[in-house]
Amino acid sequence: MIAGLELHGAVQQGRFVGGDYYDFIKLADDVLLVVAADVSGKGVPAALIMAEVRASTHLLASMRIDLENFAQQLNSLVHQSTDKKSFVTFFAAEINTTRQSLSYVNAGHPPPLIYAKNEVRSLAKGTLPLGAQSSLPKLVQRTEEFLPGTMFVSYTDGIPERTNLRGEQYGEERLFEYVRAKAHLDSEPFTRQLFEEVKDFGEGKDLDDDVSLAVVKHLTNS
């Protein structure tokens, strides 16, 4: 899709129809938009809200507006079209391979992870989820380097909140360790093996919540 970037994403549904969503949208030959979102609640209502968010995301992406405006307009849509008890965690990033940069906004979504130079760290938490208020307070676009050899991993809370039979959560620490140990893999086996590990952690329990990943690797030989 974008020269120099390797992409893979997947959603594994829980026991109910859910509202997890990720997307890769090509904005230019050297610019990729990565979106991840998760609707509160489960079932058909959550799925319908996410369908609306997805359609609006594609429309706004075609307008090439800045990420702060992008998130504010989506927030207005969700706030006006839901019962105010529903909200959507939302993350959007523009990866520019020419500038070797990643610019992003975060509205209540679990902060994605960055693997670079043998270290794993989280991006910033950001502001409130979409729909919680009529406007997103203190929404800030942040930008940082995205050099060859860097991996980006976005996930939903179904991964760290996965529990085993003793009620113990998979947790962020295990996720960090997985990324550190498996960052050498291509994005598809990286995603597949993490899903397998999270499923096995549950010791046979069904997934209570959806789990989803969106992974981008900036290839060193590009």
N, C-alpha and C. Protein backbone atom coordinates (compact mmCIF):
# COMPACT_ATOMS: atom_id res chain seq x y z
N MET A 1 0.83 -1.21 0.00
CA MET A 1 0.00 0.00 0.00
C MET A 1 0.87 1.26 0.00
N ILE A 2 1.83 1.32 0.93
CA ILE A 2 2.80 2.41 1.01
C ILE A 2 4.19 1.80 0.96
N ALA A 3 5.01 2.22 0.01
CA ALA A 3 6.35 1.65 -0.10
C ALA A 3 7.12 1.84 1.21
N GLY A 4 7.73 0.74 1.67
CA GLY A 4 8.54 0.80 2.89
C GLY A 4 7.79 0.44 4.15
N LEU A 5 6.46 0.29 4.06
CA LEU A 5 5.67 -0.06 5.23
C LEU A 5 5.05 -1.44 5.05
N GLU A 6 5.08 -2.22 6.13
CA GLU A 6 4.41 -3.52 6.14
C GLU A 6 3.27 -3.44 7.14
N LEU A 7 2.07 -3.81 6.69
CA LEU A 7 0.87 -3.60 7.49
C LEU A 7 0.15 -4.92 7.74
N HIS A 8 -0.47 -5.01 8.90
CA HIS A 8 -1.40 -6.11 9.14
C HIS A 8 -2.31 -5.73 10.30
N GLY A 9 -3.58 -6.06 10.15
CA GLY A 9 -4.54 -5.82 11.22
C GLY A 9 -5.54 -6.95 11.27
N ALA A 10 -6.16 -7.13 12.42
CA ALA A 10 -7.15 -8.20 12.57
C ALA A 10 -8.02 -7.91 13.78
N VAL A 11 -9.24 -8.41 13.72
CA VAL A 11 -10.18 -8.36 14.84
C VAL A 11 -10.63 -9.78 15.14
N GLN A 12 -10.57 -10.15 16.40
CA GLN A 12 -11.09 -11.45 16.84
C GLN A 12 -12.28 -11.17 17.75
N GLN A 13 -13.46 -11.60 17.32
CA GLN A 13 -14.67 -11.24 18.05
C GLN A 13 -14.83 -12.05 19.32
N GLY A 14 -15.40 -11.39 20.33
CA GLY A 14 -15.74 -12.05 21.57
C GLY A 14 -17.07 -12.77 21.46
N ARG A 15 -17.73 -12.97 22.60
CA ARG A 15 -18.97 -13.75 22.61
C ARG A 15 -20.13 -13.00 21.96
N PHE A 16 -20.03 -11.68 21.88
CA PHE A 16 -21.10 -10.88 21.32
C PHE A 16 -20.59 -10.08 20.13
N VAL A 17 -21.54 -9.66 19.26
CA VAL A 17 -21.18 -8.74 18.20
C VAL A 17 -20.58 -7.50 18.85
N GLY A 18 -19.42 -7.08 18.39
CA GLY A 18 -18.74 -6.00 19.07
C GLY A 18 -18.51 -4.78 18.22
N GLY A 19 -17.75 -3.85 18.79
CA GLY A 19 -17.54 -2.58 18.14
C GLY A 19 -16.09 -2.22 17.97
N ASP A 20 -15.20 -3.19 17.79
CA ASP A 20 -13.80 -2.90 17.50
C ASP A 20 -13.64 -2.56 16.02
N TYR A 21 -12.73 -1.64 15.74
CA TYR A 21 -12.52 -1.20 14.36
C TYR A 21 -11.08 -0.73 14.19
N TYR A 22 -10.46 -1.14 13.09
CA TYR A 22 -9.17 -0.58 12.70
C TYR A 22 -9.22 -0.35 11.20
N ASP A 23 -8.34 0.51 10.71
CA ASP A 23 -8.31 0.77 9.28
C ASP A 23 -6.94 1.29 8.87
N PHE A 24 -6.56 0.97 7.64
CA PHE A 24 -5.38 1.55 7.00
C PHE A 24 -5.88 2.27 5.74
N ILE A 25 -5.66 3.57 5.66
CA ILE A 25 -6.16 4.36 4.54
C ILE A 25 -4.98 5.10 3.90
N LYS A 26 -4.77 4.89 2.63
CA LYS A 26 -3.68 5.56 1.91
C LYS A 26 -4.11 6.98 1.57
N LEU A 27 -3.37 7.96 2.09
CA LEU A 27 -3.66 9.36 1.83
C LEU A 27 -2.82 9.92 0.69
N ALA A 28 -1.63 9.38 0.51
CA ALA A 28 -0.72 9.77 -0.57
C ALA A 28 0.27 8.63 -0.75
N ASP A 29 1.12 8.72 -1.76
CA ASP A 29 2.08 7.64 -2.00
C ASP A 29 2.99 7.40 -0.81
N ASP A 30 3.18 8.43 0.03
CA ASP A 30 4.09 8.30 1.17
C ASP A 30 3.40 8.56 2.50
N VAL A 31 2.06 8.59 2.52
CA VAL A 31 1.33 8.90 3.76
C VAL A 31 0.23 7.86 4.00
N LEU A 32 0.28 7.26 5.18
CA LEU A 32 -0.71 6.27 5.59
C LEU A 32 -1.47 6.79 6.81
N LEU A 33 -2.79 6.68 6.78
CA LEU A 33 -3.62 6.96 7.95
C LEU A 33 -3.96 5.64 8.62
N VAL A 34 -3.65 5.55 9.91
CA VAL A 34 -3.99 4.36 10.71
C VAL A 34 -5.05 4.78 11.73
N VAL A 35 -6.14 4.06 11.76
CA VAL A 35 -7.24 4.37 12.67
C VAL A 35 -7.56 3.14 13.52
N ALA A 36 -7.83 3.38 14.81
CA ALA A 36 -8.28 2.30 15.69
C ALA A 36 -9.35 2.87 16.61
N ALA A 37 -10.40 2.07 16.86
CA ALA A 37 -11.50 2.56 17.68
C ALA A 37 -12.20 1.39 18.36
N ASP A 38 -12.93 1.72 19.43
CA ASP A 38 -13.65 0.70 20.19
C ASP A 38 -14.87 1.35 20.82
N VAL A 39 -16.06 0.82 20.50
CA VAL A 39 -17.30 1.37 21.05
C VAL A 39 -17.59 0.74 22.41
N SER A 40 -18.04 1.56 23.36
CA SER A 40 -18.46 1.02 24.65
C SER A 40 -19.69 0.14 24.43
N GLY A 41 -19.81 -0.90 25.25
CA GLY A 41 -20.94 -1.79 25.12
C GLY A 41 -20.72 -2.86 24.06
N LYS A 42 -21.70 -3.71 23.90
CA LYS A 42 -21.60 -4.83 22.96
C LYS A 42 -22.92 -4.98 22.22
N GLY A 43 -22.91 -5.89 21.28
CA GLY A 43 -24.13 -6.22 20.56
C GLY A 43 -24.37 -5.32 19.36
N VAL A 44 -25.57 -5.42 18.81
CA VAL A 44 -25.92 -4.71 17.59
C VAL A 44 -25.79 -3.19 17.74
N PRO A 45 -26.23 -2.57 18.86
CA PRO A 45 -26.08 -1.11 18.97
C PRO A 45 -24.63 -0.65 18.82
N ALA A 46 -23.70 -1.36 19.43
CA ALA A 46 -22.28 -1.00 19.32
C ALA A 46 -21.81 -1.16 17.88
N ALA A 47 -22.23 -2.22 17.23
CA ALA A 47 -21.82 -2.46 15.85
C ALA A 47 -22.36 -1.37 14.91
N LEU A 48 -23.58 -0.90 15.18
CA LEU A 48 -24.17 0.15 14.34
C LEU A 48 -23.43 1.47 14.52
N ILE A 49 -23.06 1.79 15.76
CA ILE A 49 -22.29 3.01 16.00
C ILE A 49 -20.95 2.93 15.28
N MET A 50 -20.31 1.77 15.35
CA MET A 50 -19.00 1.65 14.71
C MET A 50 -19.11 1.72 13.19
N ALA A 51 -20.19 1.22 12.64
CA ALA A 51 -20.39 1.34 11.19
C ALA A 51 -20.48 2.81 10.78
N GLU A 52 -21.13 3.61 11.61
CA GLU A 52 -21.24 5.04 11.34
C GLU A 52 -19.87 5.71 11.46
N VAL A 53 -19.10 5.32 12.49
CA VAL A 53 -17.76 5.88 12.67
C VAL A 53 -16.87 5.52 11.48
N ARG A 54 -16.97 4.29 11.01
CA ARG A 54 -16.14 3.86 9.88
C ARG A 54 -16.48 4.67 8.62
N ALA A 55 -17.76 4.82 8.32
CA ALA A 55 -18.16 5.56 7.13
C ALA A 55 -17.70 7.02 7.22
N SER A 56 -17.84 7.61 8.40
CA SER A 56 -17.43 9.01 8.59
C SER A 56 -15.92 9.15 8.52
N THR A 57 -15.19 8.16 9.01
CA THR A 57 -13.74 8.18 8.94
C THR A 57 -13.27 8.25 7.49
N HIS A 58 -13.87 7.43 6.64
CA HIS A 58 -13.46 7.43 5.23
C HIS A 58 -13.82 8.75 4.54
N LEU A 59 -14.97 9.31 4.89
CA LEU A 59 -15.35 10.60 4.31
C LEU A 59 -14.38 11.70 4.75
N LEU A 60 -14.07 11.77 6.03
CA LEU A 60 -13.17 12.81 6.54
C LEU A 60 -11.75 12.61 6.00
N ALA A 61 -11.33 11.35 5.86
CA ALA A 61 -9.99 11.09 5.32
C ALA A 61 -9.86 11.62 3.90
N SER A 62 -10.94 11.53 3.13
CA SER A 62 -10.89 12.02 1.75
C SER A 62 -10.78 13.53 1.68
N MET A 63 -11.10 14.22 2.79
CA MET A 63 -11.05 15.69 2.83
C MET A 63 -9.67 16.20 3.20
N ARG A 64 -8.80 15.30 3.66
CA ARG A 64 -7.43 15.64 4.02
C ARG A 64 -7.35 16.80 5.02
N ILE A 65 -8.18 16.75 6.06
CA ILE A 65 -8.12 17.74 7.13
C ILE A 65 -7.12 17.30 8.18
N ASP A 66 -6.70 18.22 9.04
CA ASP A 66 -5.71 17.86 10.06
C ASP A 66 -6.36 16.94 11.10
N LEU A 67 -5.53 16.24 11.84
CA LEU A 67 -6.02 15.19 12.74
C LEU A 67 -6.87 15.74 13.88
N GLU A 68 -6.55 16.92 14.38
CA GLU A 68 -7.35 17.50 15.46
C GLU A 68 -8.77 17.79 14.98
N ASN A 69 -8.89 18.40 13.81
CA ASN A 69 -10.20 18.68 13.23
C ASN A 69 -10.93 17.38 12.93
N PHE A 70 -10.21 16.40 12.43
CA PHE A 70 -10.73 15.06 12.14
C PHE A 70 -11.42 14.49 13.39
N ALA A 71 -10.70 14.48 14.51
CA ALA A 71 -11.24 13.91 15.74
C ALA A 71 -12.41 14.72 16.29
N GLN A 72 -12.33 16.05 16.20
CA GLN A 72 -13.42 16.89 16.70
C GLN A 72 -14.70 16.67 15.90
N GLN A 73 -14.58 16.51 14.59
CA GLN A 73 -15.77 16.29 13.77
C GLN A 73 -16.38 14.91 14.05
N LEU A 74 -15.54 13.90 14.23
CA LEU A 74 -16.07 12.59 14.61
C LEU A 74 -16.73 12.64 15.98
N ASN A 75 -16.14 13.40 16.90
CA ASN A 75 -16.72 13.53 18.23
C ASN A 75 -18.12 14.15 18.15
N SER A 76 -18.27 15.19 17.35
CA SER A 76 -19.58 15.83 17.20
C SER A 76 -20.60 14.84 16.66
N LEU A 77 -20.19 14.06 15.68
CA LEU A 77 -21.08 13.05 15.10
C LEU A 77 -21.54 12.05 16.15
N VAL A 78 -20.60 11.49 16.91
CA VAL A 78 -20.94 10.48 17.91
C VAL A 78 -21.80 11.10 19.02
N HIS A 79 -21.45 12.31 19.44
CA HIS A 79 -22.19 12.97 20.51
C HIS A 79 -23.64 13.25 20.11
N GLN A 80 -23.84 13.63 18.86
CA GLN A 80 -25.18 13.98 18.39
C GLN A 80 -26.04 12.76 18.05
N SER A 81 -25.41 11.66 17.73
CA SER A 81 -26.17 10.52 17.19
C SER A 81 -26.31 9.36 18.16
N THR A 82 -25.81 9.51 19.40
CA THR A 82 -25.93 8.43 20.38
C THR A 82 -26.70 8.91 21.60
N ASP A 83 -26.94 7.99 22.52
CA ASP A 83 -27.77 8.28 23.70
C ASP A 83 -26.99 8.90 24.85
N LYS A 84 -25.80 9.35 24.60
CA LYS A 84 -24.92 10.00 25.58
C LYS A 84 -24.35 9.00 26.60
N LYS A 85 -24.87 7.78 26.62
CA LYS A 85 -24.26 6.75 27.46
C LYS A 85 -23.20 5.99 26.68
N SER A 86 -23.24 6.13 25.37
CA SER A 86 -22.27 5.46 24.51
C SER A 86 -21.09 6.38 24.23
N PHE A 87 -19.93 5.80 24.11
CA PHE A 87 -18.75 6.57 23.71
C PHE A 87 -17.84 5.66 22.90
N VAL A 88 -16.88 6.27 22.22
CA VAL A 88 -15.98 5.54 21.33
C VAL A 88 -14.55 5.95 21.63
N THR A 89 -13.72 5.02 22.04
CA THR A 89 -12.29 5.34 22.13
C THR A 89 -11.74 5.36 20.71
N PHE A 90 -10.85 6.33 20.45
CA PHE A 90 -10.45 6.57 19.06
C PHE A 90 -8.99 7.02 19.01
N PHE A 91 -8.27 6.44 18.06
CA PHE A 91 -6.87 6.82 17.82
C PHE A 91 -6.67 6.95 16.32
N ALA A 92 -5.96 7.99 15.90
CA ALA A 92 -5.63 8.16 14.49
C ALA A 92 -4.21 8.65 14.36
N ALA A 93 -3.48 8.07 13.41
CA ALA A 93 -2.09 8.47 13.17
C ALA A 93 -1.84 8.60 11.68
N GLU A 94 -1.06 9.59 11.31
CA GLU A 94 -0.55 9.72 9.95
C GLU A 94 0.93 9.37 9.97
N ILE A 95 1.29 8.35 9.20
CA ILE A 95 2.69 7.95 9.06
C ILE A 95 3.19 8.44 7.71
N ASN A 96 4.22 9.26 7.74
CA ASN A 96 4.79 9.83 6.52
C ASN A 96 6.19 9.24 6.33
N THR A 97 6.35 8.44 5.28
CA THR A 97 7.63 7.76 5.09
C THR A 97 8.71 8.69 4.55
N THR A 98 8.33 9.74 3.86
CA THR A 98 9.33 10.70 3.38
C THR A 98 9.92 11.50 4.54
N ARG A 99 9.04 11.97 5.41
CA ARG A 99 9.50 12.72 6.58
C ARG A 99 9.96 11.81 7.71
N GLN A 100 9.65 10.52 7.58
CA GLN A 100 9.96 9.53 8.63
C GLN A 100 9.37 9.99 9.97
N SER A 101 8.07 10.30 9.91
CA SER A 101 7.39 10.83 11.09
C SER A 101 6.06 10.14 11.31
N LEU A 102 5.59 10.21 12.55
CA LEU A 102 4.28 9.71 12.94
C LEU A 102 3.60 10.81 13.73
N SER A 103 2.47 11.32 13.21
CA SER A 103 1.68 12.33 13.90
C SER A 103 0.37 11.68 14.33
N TYR A 104 -0.11 11.99 15.55
CA TYR A 104 -1.28 11.26 16.04
C TYR A 104 -2.11 12.09 17.01
N VAL A 105 -3.37 11.67 17.16
CA VAL A 105 -4.26 12.15 18.20
C VAL A 105 -4.86 10.92 18.88
N ASN A 106 -5.17 11.08 20.16
CA ASN A 106 -5.73 9.97 20.92
C ASN A 106 -6.90 10.48 21.75
N ALA A 107 -8.07 9.86 21.54
CA ALA A 107 -9.27 10.21 22.29
C ALA A 107 -9.70 8.99 23.12
N GLY A 108 -9.03 8.80 24.24
CA GLY A 108 -9.42 7.77 25.20
C GLY A 108 -9.06 6.35 24.84
N HIS A 109 -8.29 6.15 23.77
CA HIS A 109 -7.94 4.79 23.34
C HIS A 109 -6.70 4.31 24.09
N PRO A 110 -6.57 3.00 24.32
CA PRO A 110 -5.31 2.51 24.91
C PRO A 110 -4.13 2.99 24.08
N PRO A 111 -3.15 3.65 24.69
CA PRO A 111 -2.04 4.21 23.91
C PRO A 111 -1.30 3.12 23.14
N PRO A 112 -1.18 3.26 21.82
CA PRO A 112 -0.41 2.29 21.05
C PRO A 112 1.04 2.23 21.51
N LEU A 113 1.69 1.13 21.14
CA LEU A 113 3.08 0.91 21.52
C LEU A 113 3.99 1.17 20.34
N ILE A 114 5.18 1.67 20.64
CA ILE A 114 6.23 1.87 19.66
C ILE A 114 7.43 1.02 20.07
N TYR A 115 7.92 0.21 19.13
CA TYR A 115 9.15 -0.54 19.34
C TYR A 115 10.23 0.07 18.47
N ALA A 116 11.31 0.52 19.08
CA ALA A 116 12.43 1.10 18.35
C ALA A 116 13.69 0.95 19.18
N LYS A 117 14.77 0.60 18.53
CA LYS A 117 16.08 0.49 19.18
C LYS A 117 16.02 -0.44 20.40
N ASN A 118 15.32 -1.57 20.22
CA ASN A 118 15.21 -2.62 21.24
C ASN A 118 14.46 -2.17 22.49
N GLU A 119 13.66 -1.12 22.38
CA GLU A 119 12.86 -0.65 23.51
C GLU A 119 11.39 -0.54 23.11
N VAL A 120 10.50 -0.74 24.09
CA VAL A 120 9.07 -0.61 23.88
C VAL A 120 8.54 0.50 24.78
N ARG A 121 7.73 1.37 24.22
CA ARG A 121 7.15 2.45 25.03
C ARG A 121 5.75 2.76 24.49
N SER A 122 4.97 3.46 25.31
CA SER A 122 3.61 3.85 24.93
C SER A 122 3.59 5.27 24.37
N LEU A 123 2.69 5.51 23.44
CA LEU A 123 2.40 6.87 23.03
C LEU A 123 1.52 7.54 24.09
N ALA A 124 1.22 8.82 23.90
CA ALA A 124 0.48 9.58 24.91
C ALA A 124 -0.99 9.16 24.98
N LYS A 125 -1.59 9.35 26.15
CA LYS A 125 -2.98 8.95 26.37
C LYS A 125 -3.99 9.85 25.66
N GLY A 126 -3.74 11.14 25.65
CA GLY A 126 -4.65 12.04 24.95
C GLY A 126 -5.84 12.46 25.78
N THR A 127 -6.98 12.67 25.12
CA THR A 127 -8.15 13.28 25.74
C THR A 127 -9.27 12.26 25.95
N LEU A 128 -10.48 12.76 26.19
CA LEU A 128 -11.64 11.91 26.45
C LEU A 128 -12.06 11.14 25.20
N PRO A 129 -12.81 10.04 25.37
CA PRO A 129 -13.34 9.32 24.21
C PRO A 129 -14.35 10.16 23.43
N LEU A 130 -14.56 9.78 22.18
CA LEU A 130 -15.56 10.43 21.35
C LEU A 130 -16.95 10.25 21.96
N GLY A 131 -17.72 11.33 21.96
CA GLY A 131 -19.10 11.27 22.42
C GLY A 131 -19.32 11.59 23.88
N ALA A 132 -18.24 11.65 24.66
CA ALA A 132 -18.39 11.91 26.10
C ALA A 132 -18.84 13.35 26.36
N GLN A 133 -18.36 14.27 25.54
CA GLN A 133 -18.75 15.68 25.64
C GLN A 133 -18.96 16.22 24.23
N SER A 134 -19.56 17.41 24.14
CA SER A 134 -19.82 17.99 22.82
C SER A 134 -18.55 18.39 22.10
N SER A 135 -17.47 18.64 22.85
CA SER A 135 -16.18 18.97 22.26
C SER A 135 -15.08 18.27 23.04
N LEU A 136 -14.02 17.89 22.36
CA LEU A 136 -12.92 17.18 23.02
C LEU A 136 -11.98 18.19 23.67
N PRO A 137 -11.86 18.15 25.01
CA PRO A 137 -10.99 19.11 25.69
C PRO A 137 -9.52 18.72 25.55
N LYS A 138 -8.68 19.74 25.41
CA LYS A 138 -7.23 19.56 25.42
C LYS A 138 -6.77 18.50 24.40
N LEU A 139 -7.44 18.50 23.25
CA LEU A 139 -7.02 17.59 22.18
C LEU A 139 -5.75 18.14 21.53
N VAL A 140 -4.71 17.33 21.49
CA VAL A 140 -3.41 17.79 20.97
C VAL A 140 -2.88 16.77 19.96
N GLN A 141 -2.44 17.27 18.82
CA GLN A 141 -1.72 16.41 17.86
C GLN A 141 -0.26 16.37 18.24
N ARG A 142 0.29 15.19 18.33
CA ARG A 142 1.70 15.01 18.66
C ARG A 142 2.43 14.39 17.47
N THR A 143 3.70 14.69 17.35
CA THR A 143 4.49 14.17 16.25
C THR A 143 5.83 13.67 16.77
N GLU A 144 6.26 12.53 16.24
CA GLU A 144 7.56 12.00 16.61
C GLU A 144 8.17 11.25 15.43
N GLU A 145 9.42 10.87 15.58
CA GLU A 145 10.12 10.15 14.51
C GLU A 145 9.52 8.76 14.32
N PHE A 146 9.54 8.32 13.07
CA PHE A 146 9.16 6.95 12.75
C PHE A 146 10.19 6.44 11.74
N LEU A 147 11.32 6.05 12.26
CA LEU A 147 12.48 5.69 11.45
C LEU A 147 12.40 4.24 10.97
N PRO A 148 13.14 3.89 9.93
CA PRO A 148 13.23 2.49 9.54
C PRO A 148 13.65 1.62 10.73
N GLY A 149 13.01 0.45 10.85
CA GLY A 149 13.26 -0.43 11.99
C GLY A 149 12.26 -0.26 13.11
N THR A 150 11.38 0.75 13.00
CA THR A 150 10.38 1.01 14.04
C THR A 150 9.11 0.21 13.77
N MET A 151 8.48 -0.24 14.86
CA MET A 151 7.20 -0.95 14.76
C MET A 151 6.16 -0.21 15.59
N PHE A 152 4.96 -0.10 15.02
CA PHE A 152 3.81 0.53 15.68
C PHE A 152 2.77 -0.54 15.94
N VAL A 153 2.24 -0.59 17.17
CA VAL A 153 1.26 -1.61 17.54
C VAL A 153 0.08 -0.95 18.25
N SER A 154 -1.06 -0.90 17.58
CA SER A 154 -2.29 -0.41 18.21
C SER A 154 -3.14 -1.61 18.62
N TYR A 155 -3.79 -1.49 19.78
CA TYR A 155 -4.59 -2.61 20.30
C TYR A 155 -5.80 -2.06 21.05
N THR A 156 -6.80 -2.91 21.25
CA THR A 156 -7.95 -2.54 22.06
C THR A 156 -7.84 -3.22 23.43
N ASP A 157 -8.68 -2.76 24.37
CA ASP A 157 -8.52 -3.19 25.76
C ASP A 157 -8.90 -4.65 25.99
N GLY A 158 -9.46 -5.30 24.96
CA GLY A 158 -9.75 -6.72 25.11
C GLY A 158 -8.50 -7.56 25.29
N ILE A 159 -7.34 -7.04 24.88
CA ILE A 159 -6.10 -7.79 25.05
C ILE A 159 -5.59 -7.71 26.49
N PRO A 160 -5.27 -6.51 27.04
CA PRO A 160 -4.77 -6.49 28.42
C PRO A 160 -5.81 -6.93 29.45
N GLU A 161 -7.10 -6.79 29.13
CA GLU A 161 -8.15 -7.15 30.10
C GLU A 161 -8.60 -8.61 29.99
N ARG A 162 -7.99 -9.38 29.13
CA ARG A 162 -8.28 -10.81 29.03
C ARG A 162 -7.92 -11.48 30.34
N THR A 163 -8.83 -12.28 30.91
CA THR A 163 -8.59 -12.91 32.20
C THR A 163 -8.49 -14.43 32.06
N ASN A 164 -7.77 -15.04 33.01
CA ASN A 164 -7.71 -16.50 33.08
C ASN A 164 -8.72 -16.99 34.12
N LEU A 165 -8.68 -18.27 34.42
CA LEU A 165 -9.68 -18.86 35.32
C LEU A 165 -9.55 -18.35 36.75
N ARG A 166 -8.41 -17.77 37.09
CA ARG A 166 -8.21 -17.21 38.44
C ARG A 166 -8.54 -15.73 38.51
N GLY A 167 -9.00 -15.18 37.38
CA GLY A 167 -9.36 -13.77 37.35
C GLY A 167 -8.19 -12.83 37.12
N GLU A 168 -7.02 -13.40 36.84
CA GLU A 168 -5.83 -12.59 36.58
C GLU A 168 -5.88 -12.05 35.16
N GLN A 169 -5.51 -10.79 34.98
CA GLN A 169 -5.52 -10.18 33.65
C GLN A 169 -4.20 -10.43 32.92
N TYR A 170 -4.33 -10.51 31.58
CA TYR A 170 -3.12 -10.61 30.75
C TYR A 170 -2.22 -9.40 30.98
N GLY A 171 -2.80 -8.23 30.97
CA GLY A 171 -2.11 -7.03 31.43
C GLY A 171 -1.14 -6.41 30.43
N GLU A 172 -0.79 -5.17 30.70
CA GLU A 172 0.10 -4.42 29.82
C GLU A 172 1.54 -4.93 29.90
N GLU A 173 1.96 -5.40 31.05
CA GLU A 173 3.34 -5.85 31.18
C GLU A 173 3.62 -7.04 30.27
N ARG A 174 2.70 -7.99 30.21
CA ARG A 174 2.88 -9.14 29.31
C ARG A 174 2.87 -8.68 27.85
N LEU A 175 2.02 -7.69 27.54
CA LEU A 175 1.97 -7.17 26.18
C LEU A 175 3.29 -6.52 25.80
N PHE A 176 3.85 -5.73 26.70
CA PHE A 176 5.16 -5.12 26.45
C PHE A 176 6.21 -6.19 26.19
N GLU A 177 6.21 -7.22 27.01
CA GLU A 177 7.20 -8.28 26.86
C GLU A 177 7.03 -9.02 25.54
N TYR A 178 5.77 -9.23 25.14
CA TYR A 178 5.53 -9.89 23.86
C TYR A 178 6.09 -9.06 22.71
N VAL A 179 5.80 -7.77 22.71
CA VAL A 179 6.28 -6.89 21.64
C VAL A 179 7.81 -6.90 21.60
N ARG A 180 8.42 -6.82 22.76
CA ARG A 180 9.89 -6.81 22.83
C ARG A 180 10.48 -8.11 22.27
N ALA A 181 9.84 -9.22 22.56
CA ALA A 181 10.38 -10.52 22.16
C ALA A 181 10.06 -10.88 20.70
N LYS A 182 8.95 -10.34 20.17
CA LYS A 182 8.47 -10.78 18.86
C LYS A 182 8.54 -9.70 17.78
N ALA A 183 9.16 -8.58 18.07
CA ALA A 183 9.20 -7.47 17.11
C ALA A 183 9.93 -7.82 15.83
N HIS A 184 10.75 -8.88 15.87
CA HIS A 184 11.48 -9.29 14.67
C HIS A 184 10.58 -9.97 13.64
N LEU A 185 9.39 -10.40 14.07
CA LEU A 185 8.48 -11.11 13.16
C LEU A 185 7.85 -10.15 12.16
N ASP A 186 7.43 -10.70 11.01
CA ASP A 186 6.59 -9.93 10.11
C ASP A 186 5.27 -9.62 10.81
N SER A 187 4.57 -8.62 10.31
CA SER A 187 3.38 -8.15 11.03
C SER A 187 2.26 -9.20 11.11
N GLU A 188 2.14 -10.05 10.08
CA GLU A 188 1.07 -11.06 10.12
C GLU A 188 1.32 -12.12 11.18
N PRO A 189 2.47 -12.80 11.21
CA PRO A 189 2.70 -13.76 12.29
C PRO A 189 2.78 -13.10 13.67
N PHE A 190 3.25 -11.87 13.73
CA PHE A 190 3.26 -11.13 15.01
C PHE A 190 1.84 -11.04 15.57
N THR A 191 0.90 -10.67 14.70
CA THR A 191 -0.50 -10.54 15.13
C THR A 191 -1.09 -11.90 15.47
N ARG A 192 -0.88 -12.88 14.61
CA ARG A 192 -1.48 -14.20 14.82
C ARG A 192 -0.98 -14.84 16.11
N GLN A 193 0.31 -14.75 16.37
CA GLN A 193 0.87 -15.38 17.57
C GLN A 193 0.43 -14.66 18.84
N LEU A 194 0.23 -13.34 18.77
CA LEU A 194 -0.26 -12.64 19.95
C LEU A 194 -1.70 -13.05 20.25
N PHE A 195 -2.52 -13.16 19.21
CA PHE A 195 -3.90 -13.63 19.42
C PHE A 195 -3.90 -15.02 20.06
N GLU A 196 -3.01 -15.89 19.58
CA GLU A 196 -2.93 -17.25 20.15
C GLU A 196 -2.52 -17.20 21.61
N GLU A 197 -1.54 -16.34 21.93
CA GLU A 197 -1.08 -16.23 23.31
C GLU A 197 -2.18 -15.71 24.22
N VAL A 198 -2.90 -14.69 23.76
CA VAL A 198 -3.99 -14.11 24.56
C VAL A 198 -5.11 -15.13 24.75
N LYS A 199 -5.43 -15.86 23.68
CA LYS A 199 -6.46 -16.90 23.80
C LYS A 199 -6.04 -17.98 24.78
N ASP A 200 -4.80 -18.46 24.67
CA ASP A 200 -4.31 -19.51 25.56
C ASP A 200 -4.26 -19.04 27.02
N PHE A 201 -3.99 -17.75 27.22
CA PHE A 201 -3.94 -17.21 28.58
C PHE A 201 -5.28 -17.40 29.29
N GLY A 202 -6.37 -17.39 28.52
CA GLY A 202 -7.70 -17.55 29.10
C GLY A 202 -8.04 -18.96 29.52
N GLU A 203 -7.15 -19.91 29.27
CA GLU A 203 -7.31 -21.30 29.73
C GLU A 203 -8.67 -21.89 29.31
N GLY A 204 -9.04 -21.64 28.05
CA GLY A 204 -10.26 -22.24 27.52
C GLY A 204 -11.49 -21.37 27.63
N LYS A 205 -11.41 -20.25 28.34
CA LYS A 205 -12.55 -19.34 28.44
C LYS A 205 -12.81 -18.66 27.09
N ASP A 206 -14.09 -18.43 26.80
CA ASP A 206 -14.41 -17.62 25.62
C ASP A 206 -13.91 -16.20 25.82
N LEU A 207 -13.67 -15.51 24.72
CA LEU A 207 -13.31 -14.10 24.83
C LEU A 207 -14.52 -13.31 25.28
N ASP A 208 -14.38 -12.55 26.37
CA ASP A 208 -15.48 -11.71 26.85
C ASP A 208 -15.64 -10.48 25.97
N ASP A 209 -14.54 -10.03 25.37
CA ASP A 209 -14.54 -8.81 24.58
C ASP A 209 -13.79 -9.06 23.28
N ASP A 210 -14.07 -8.23 22.29
CA ASP A 210 -13.28 -8.29 21.07
C ASP A 210 -11.82 -7.97 21.37
N VAL A 211 -10.94 -8.53 20.58
CA VAL A 211 -9.53 -8.12 20.61
C VAL A 211 -9.13 -7.73 19.19
N SER A 212 -8.41 -6.64 19.06
CA SER A 212 -7.98 -6.24 17.73
C SER A 212 -6.60 -5.61 17.77
N LEU A 213 -5.93 -5.71 16.65
CA LEU A 213 -4.58 -5.17 16.49
C LEU A 213 -4.46 -4.49 15.14
N ALA A 214 -3.64 -3.43 15.11
CA ALA A 214 -3.22 -2.82 13.84
C ALA A 214 -1.72 -2.60 13.97
N VAL A 215 -0.95 -3.25 13.10
CA VAL A 215 0.51 -3.26 13.21
C VAL A 215 1.12 -2.66 11.95
N VAL A 216 2.08 -1.75 12.14
CA VAL A 216 2.81 -1.16 11.02
C VAL A 216 4.30 -1.26 11.32
N LYS A 217 5.04 -1.85 10.38
CA LYS A 217 6.50 -1.92 10.49
C LYS A 217 7.13 -1.06 9.40
N HIS A 218 8.07 -0.21 9.79
CA HIS A 218 8.84 0.56 8.82
C HIS A 218 10.08 -0.26 8.49
N LEU A 219 10.10 -0.83 7.30
CA LEU A 219 11.12 -1.79 6.93
C LEU A 219 12.49 -1.12 6.80
N THR A 220 13.50 -1.82 7.28
CA THR A 220 14.85 -1.26 7.26
C THR A 220 15.48 -1.30 5.88
N ASN A 221 14.96 -2.16 5.00
CA ASN A 221 15.56 -2.27 3.67
C ASN A 221 14.77 -1.51 2.60
N SER A 222 13.91 -0.59 3.04
CA SER A 222 13.12 0.18 2.08
C SER A 222 13.94 1.30 1.47
